[in-house]
Amino acid sequence: MQTKIIQIGNSKGLRLSKTILEKYDIGEMVNMRMEENFIIIEPISKPRNNWAKSFQEMHNKGHDELFIDDIFEEESNWE
């Protein structure tokens, strides 16, 4: 894909289409690095992004059950 370099104030930049932004989940910030003859632009992942959705899916499938009980038998007598 070819894209035109545009003037942005005293700098220059390029526009990314809405399709590309959505496909690669690009928000306000990106990581940009240079390797050999390439400029690589990567979205910055947000820790815990979409966890609520994933937890809900786990719950719906019954994959959120405890492997062990919350309270061990010997703990039930503790005061």
C-alpha atoms as a PDB file:
ATOM      1  CA  MET A   1       0.000   0.000   0.000  1.00  0.00           C
ATOM      2  CA  GLN A   2       1.322   3.429  -0.858  1.00  0.00           C
ATOM      3  CA  THR A   3       0.485   6.489   1.189  1.00  0.00           C
ATOM      4  CA  LYS A   4       1.426  10.120   0.865  1.00  0.00           C
ATOM      5  CA  ILE A   5       3.597  11.934   3.416  1.00  0.00           C
ATOM      6  CA  ILE A   6       1.706  15.037   4.576  1.00  0.00           C
ATOM      7  CA  GLN A   7       2.732  18.313   6.179  1.00  0.00           C
ATOM      8  CA  ILE A   8       1.745  18.621   9.865  1.00  0.00           C
ATOM      9  CA  GLY A   9       2.881  22.004  11.135  1.00  0.00           C
ATOM     10  CA  ASN A  10       6.693  22.043  10.915  1.00  0.00           C
ATOM     11  CA  SER A  11       6.780  18.245  10.745  1.00  0.00           C
ATOM     12  CA  LYS A  12       5.654  15.613   8.303  1.00  0.00           C
ATOM     13  CA  GLY A  13       3.547  12.533   8.913  1.00  0.00           C
ATOM     14  CA  LEU A  14       1.356   9.940   7.340  1.00  0.00           C
ATOM     15  CA  ARG A  15      -2.309   9.084   7.734  1.00  0.00           C
ATOM     16  CA  LEU A  16      -3.490   5.641   8.693  1.00  0.00           C
ATOM     17  CA  SER A  17      -6.933   4.662   7.479  1.00  0.00           C
ATOM     18  CA  LYS A  18      -9.721   3.852   9.914  1.00  0.00           C
ATOM     19  CA  THR A  19      -9.617   0.264   8.644  1.00  0.00           C
ATOM     20  CA  ILE A  20      -5.944  -0.135   9.589  1.00  0.00           C
ATOM     21  CA  LEU A  21      -6.454   1.562  12.971  1.00  0.00           C
ATOM     22  CA  GLU A  22      -9.316  -0.792  13.831  1.00  0.00           C
ATOM     23  CA  LYS A  23      -7.704  -3.947  12.444  1.00  0.00           C
ATOM     24  CA  TYR A  24      -4.513  -3.477  14.477  1.00  0.00           C
ATOM     25  CA  ASP A  25      -6.224  -1.865  17.509  1.00  0.00           C
ATOM     26  CA  ILE A  26      -4.154   1.309  17.229  1.00  0.00           C
ATOM     27  CA  GLY A  27      -5.149   3.992  19.721  1.00  0.00           C
ATOM     28  CA  GLU A  28      -3.487   7.295  20.559  1.00  0.00           C
ATOM     29  CA  MET A  29       0.067   5.965  20.939  1.00  0.00           C
ATOM     30  CA  VAL A  30       2.276   3.516  19.020  1.00  0.00           C
ATOM     31  CA  ASN A  31       5.784   2.120  19.357  1.00  0.00           C
ATOM     32  CA  MET A  32       7.957   2.929  16.379  1.00  0.00           C
ATOM     33  CA  ARG A  33      11.337   1.334  15.749  1.00  0.00           C
ATOM     34  CA  MET A  34      13.781   1.036  12.914  1.00  0.00           C
ATOM     35  CA  GLU A  35      15.219  -2.280  11.736  1.00  0.00           C
ATOM     36  CA  GLU A  36      17.588  -2.337   8.791  1.00  0.00           C
ATOM     37  CA  ASN A  37      15.670  -0.536   6.026  1.00  0.00           C
ATOM     38  CA  PHE A  38      12.265  -0.692   7.724  1.00  0.00           C
ATOM     39  CA  ILE A  39      10.241   1.499  10.048  1.00  0.00           C
ATOM     40  CA  ILE A  40       7.996  -0.709  12.177  1.00  0.00           C
ATOM     41  CA  ILE A  41       4.897   0.761  13.811  1.00  0.00           C
ATOM     42  CA  GLU A  42       3.321  -1.338  16.562  1.00  0.00           C
ATOM     43  CA  PRO A  43       0.228  -0.657  18.652  1.00  0.00           C
ATOM     44  CA  ILE A  44       0.888  -0.255  22.350  1.00  0.00           C
ATOM     45  CA  SER A  45      -1.007  -3.008  24.068  1.00  0.00           C
ATOM     46  CA  LYS A  46      -2.991  -2.074  27.132  1.00  0.00           C
ATOM     47  CA  PRO A  47      -2.511  -4.507  30.011  1.00  0.00           C
ATOM     48  CA  ARG A  48      -5.767  -6.148  31.015  1.00  0.00           C
ATOM     49  CA  ASN A  49      -7.522  -4.746  27.947  1.00  0.00           C
ATOM     50  CA  ASN A  50     -10.670  -6.788  27.232  1.00  0.00           C
ATOM     51  CA  TRP A  51     -10.252  -8.863  30.424  1.00  0.00           C
ATOM     52  CA  ALA A  52     -13.876  -8.240  31.421  1.00  0.00           C
ATOM     53  CA  LYS A  53     -15.051  -9.662  28.102  1.00  0.00           C
ATOM     54  CA  SER A  54     -12.751 -12.678  28.442  1.00  0.00           C
ATOM     55  CA  PHE A  55     -13.911 -13.357  32.002  1.00  0.00           C
ATOM     56  CA  GLN A  56     -17.534 -13.199  30.889  1.00  0.00           C
ATOM     57  CA  GLU A  57     -16.829 -15.683  28.083  1.00  0.00           C
ATOM     58  CA  MET A  58     -15.095 -18.003  30.573  1.00  0.00           C
ATOM     59  CA  HIS A  59     -18.095 -17.764  32.886  1.00  0.00           C
ATOM     60  CA  ASN A  60     -20.544 -18.481  30.066  1.00  0.00           C
ATOM     61  CA  LYS A  61     -18.586 -21.627  29.159  1.00  0.00           C
ATOM     62  CA  GLY A  62     -18.283 -22.728  32.806  1.00  0.00           C
ATOM     63  CA  HIS A  63     -14.496 -22.381  32.749  1.00  0.00           C
ATOM     64  CA  ASP A  64     -14.343 -20.186  35.856  1.00  0.00           C
ATOM     65  CA  GLU A  65     -14.887 -22.860  38.504  1.00  0.00           C
ATOM     66  CA  LEU A  66     -12.412 -23.165  41.378  1.00  0.00           C
ATOM     67  CA  PHE A  67      -9.941 -26.043  41.246  1.00  0.00           C
ATOM     68  CA  ILE A  68      -9.855 -26.216  45.048  1.00  0.00           C
ATOM     69  CA  ASP A  69     -12.234 -25.044  47.755  1.00  0.00           C
ATOM     70  CA  ASP A  70     -11.863 -21.514  49.110  1.00  0.00           C
ATOM     71  CA  ILE A  71     -11.458 -22.761  52.691  1.00  0.00           C
ATOM     72  CA  PHE A  72      -9.498 -25.815  53.695  1.00  0.00           C
ATOM     73  CA  GLU A  73     -11.170 -28.039  56.270  1.00  0.00           C
ATOM     74  CA  GLU A  74      -8.591 -27.255  58.972  1.00  0.00           C
ATOM     75  CA  GLU A  75      -9.149 -23.508  58.445  1.00  0.00           C
ATOM     76  CA  SER A  76     -12.872 -23.735  59.235  1.00  0.00           C
ATOM     77  CA  ASN A  77     -12.077 -24.054  62.968  1.00  0.00           C
ATOM     78  CA  TRP A  78      -9.857 -20.970  63.070  1.00  0.00           C
ATOM     79  CA  GLU A  79     -11.062 -17.928  64.961  1.00  0.00           C
END
